[in-house]
Protein backbone atom coordinates (compact mmCIF):
# COMPACT_ATOMS: atom_id res chain seq x y z
CA MET A 1 -0.08 0.17 0.00
CA ILE A 2 2.80 2.45 0.83
CA GLU A 3 4.66 1.41 -2.18
CA LYS A 4 1.50 2.32 -4.66
CA LEU A 5 0.78 5.75 -2.73
CA PHE A 6 4.83 6.63 -3.26
CA THR A 7 4.21 5.23 -6.74
CA ARG A 8 1.14 7.53 -7.48
CA ILE A 9 2.98 10.58 -5.82
CA ALA A 10 6.18 10.20 -7.66
CA ASN A 11 4.37 9.77 -11.12
CA TYR A 12 2.35 12.93 -10.19
CA VAL A 13 5.41 14.84 -9.11
CA ALA A 14 7.56 13.85 -12.05
CA HIS A 15 4.53 14.76 -14.28
CA LEU A 16 4.38 18.36 -12.82
CA ALA A 17 7.92 18.83 -12.75
CA GLY A 18 8.20 18.21 -16.38
CA LEU A 19 5.67 20.88 -16.97
CA PRO A 20 6.63 24.18 -18.79
CA SER A 21 4.46 25.81 -16.28
CA THR A 22 6.40 24.67 -13.41
CA PHE A 23 9.63 25.84 -14.94
CA ALA A 24 7.87 29.25 -15.31
CA VAL A 25 6.73 29.35 -11.74
CA CYS A 26 10.03 28.51 -10.54
CA PHE A 27 11.69 31.15 -12.75
CA LEU A 28 9.50 33.95 -11.42
CA ILE A 29 10.10 32.61 -7.82
CA ILE A 30 13.80 33.08 -8.44
CA VAL A 31 13.20 36.57 -10.19
CA ALA A 32 11.16 37.78 -7.14
CA TRP A 33 13.77 36.46 -4.82
CA GLY A 34 16.53 38.19 -6.69
CA ALA A 35 14.20 41.51 -7.04
CA SER A 36 13.85 41.60 -3.40
CA GLY A 37 17.72 41.38 -2.55
CA PRO A 38 17.95 45.37 -2.13
CA MET A 39 15.15 45.12 -0.11
CA PHE A 40 16.88 42.94 2.30
CA GLY A 41 20.14 44.35 1.74
CA PHE A 42 21.24 40.86 0.04
CA SER A 43 21.75 39.65 3.89
CA ASP A 44 22.85 36.32 4.83
CA THR A 45 19.25 35.23 5.86
CA TRP A 46 18.08 36.46 2.25
CA GLN A 47 20.80 34.27 0.60
CA LEU A 48 19.97 31.54 3.18
CA ILE A 49 16.20 31.15 2.03
CA ILE A 50 17.13 30.60 -1.50
CA ASN A 51 19.79 28.05 -0.68
CA THR A 52 17.69 26.21 1.86
CA GLY A 53 14.51 26.27 -0.74
CA THR A 54 16.70 24.92 -3.66
CA THR A 55 18.58 22.38 -1.68
CA ILE A 56 15.43 20.42 -0.19
CA VAL A 57 13.63 20.65 -3.53
CA THR A 58 16.70 19.11 -5.25
CA PHE A 59 17.07 16.68 -2.68
CA LEU A 60 13.56 15.28 -2.89
CA MET A 61 13.52 15.55 -6.57
CA VAL A 62 16.57 13.24 -6.96
CA PHE A 63 14.47 10.42 -5.30
CA LEU A 64 11.49 11.02 -7.14
CA ILE A 65 13.23 11.28 -10.50
CA GLN A 66 15.31 8.09 -9.88
CA ASN A 67 12.22 6.18 -8.74
CA THR A 68 10.58 6.87 -11.64
CA GLN A 69 13.79 6.14 -14.08
CA ASN A 70 14.02 2.74 -12.13
CA ARG A 71 10.37 2.03 -13.09
CA ASP A 72 10.65 3.08 -16.71
CA GLY A 73 13.67 1.21 -17.16
CA ALA A 74 12.64 -2.09 -15.63
CA ALA A 75 9.29 -1.66 -17.38
CA ILE A 76 10.98 -1.18 -20.99
CA GLN A 77 13.47 -4.11 -19.98
CA ALA A 78 10.46 -6.37 -19.46
CA LYS A 79 8.94 -5.29 -22.93
CA LEU A 80 12.24 -5.93 -24.57
CA ASP A 81 12.45 -9.14 -22.70
CA GLU A 82 8.89 -10.41 -23.93
CA LEU A 83 9.84 -9.29 -27.55
CA ILE A 84 13.10 -11.30 -27.57
CA ARG A 85 10.99 -14.28 -26.10
CA VAL A 86 8.64 -14.37 -28.68
CA SER A 87 10.97 -13.51 -31.65
CA LYS A 88 13.54 -15.47 -33.29
CA ALA A 89 16.24 -13.56 -31.26
CA LYS A 90 18.46 -15.44 -28.72
CA ASN A 91 16.54 -16.06 -25.60
CA SER A 92 20.13 -15.82 -23.76
CA PHE A 93 19.83 -12.03 -24.07
CA ILE A 94 16.80 -11.97 -21.54
CA GLY A 95 17.94 -10.91 -18.17
CA ILE A 96 21.72 -9.54 -19.40
CA GLU A 97 20.87 -6.16 -17.50
CA HIS A 98 21.81 -8.07 -14.21
CA LEU A 99 25.29 -8.75 -15.58
CA THR A 100 28.11 -6.73 -14.75
CA GLU A 101 29.39 -3.98 -16.84
CA SER A 102 32.16 -5.79 -18.29
CA GLU A 103 30.03 -8.89 -19.02
CA VAL A 104 27.63 -6.44 -20.71
CA GLN A 105 30.34 -4.80 -22.85
CA GLU A 106 31.48 -8.49 -24.00
CA ILE A 107 28.09 -9.32 -25.02
CA ARG A 108 27.83 -5.82 -27.01
CA GLU A 109 31.23 -6.21 -28.95
CA LYS A 110 30.14 -9.54 -29.83
CA CYS A 111 26.87 -8.14 -31.35
CA GLU A 112 28.81 -5.50 -32.87
CA ARG A 113 31.01 -7.95 -34.67
CA ALA A 114 28.11 -10.11 -35.88
CA ALA A 115 26.48 -6.97 -37.26
CA LYS A 116 29.51 -6.07 -39.10
CA ARG A 117 29.93 -9.61 -40.49
CA HIS A 118 26.14 -9.45 -41.49
CA ASP A 119 26.94 -5.96 -43.29
CA ARG A 120 29.54 -7.27 -45.05
CA GLN A 121 27.82 -10.39 -46.25
CA VAL A 122 24.96 -8.29 -47.05
CA ALA A 123 27.21 -5.89 -49.22
CA GLY A 124 28.71 -8.76 -51.00
CA VAL A 125 25.47 -10.02 -52.21
CA ALA A 126 24.54 -6.54 -53.13
CA VAL A 127 27.38 -6.01 -55.57
CA LYS A 128 27.00 -9.24 -56.67
CA LYS A 129 23.39 -8.82 -57.82
CA ALA A 130 24.70 -5.18 -59.28
CA ASP A 131 27.00 -7.27 -61.51
CA ALA A 132 24.85 -9.48 -62.67
CA GLN A 133 22.22 -6.87 -63.69
CA LYS A 134 24.88 -4.87 -65.63
CA PRO A 135 24.28 -4.94 -69.36
CA GLY A 136 26.70 -7.40 -70.95
CA SER A 137 27.12 -9.45 -67.94
CA LYS A 138 26.48 -13.27 -68.45
CA THR A 139 23.59 -13.48 -66.26
CA HIS A 140 21.74 -10.52 -67.53
CA ALA A 141 22.21 -11.56 -71.27
CA ALA A 142 20.69 -15.06 -70.34
């Protein structure tokens, strides 16, 4: 129950934080604070108000944004895993997000090498096909 409540609050706050109107309100608060500086003689208390306020908001937003990103990442990963599971892709890729950084890097390098081999094969076939379609080629004349 607490987790669901936190999730709802985190989603709502993350949504609000991303709105242009939220940015505008925050910008206006900073402008008002800056404009009030001469009235308060740019005192230490005047500076402390904005420093404390922004620190508290930043501190709380870090956790809310991280929570939202964690859930989004897990949901995307689950969707990708399902696509892998139902396709001709290798099921061994499911769950690789739990491997170490070096293990994931090794898998990425293997995939890149395989993709380059495939690209060379496709390019070779395309060249042969283009050569075959040229006027005067043996296969084109037949």
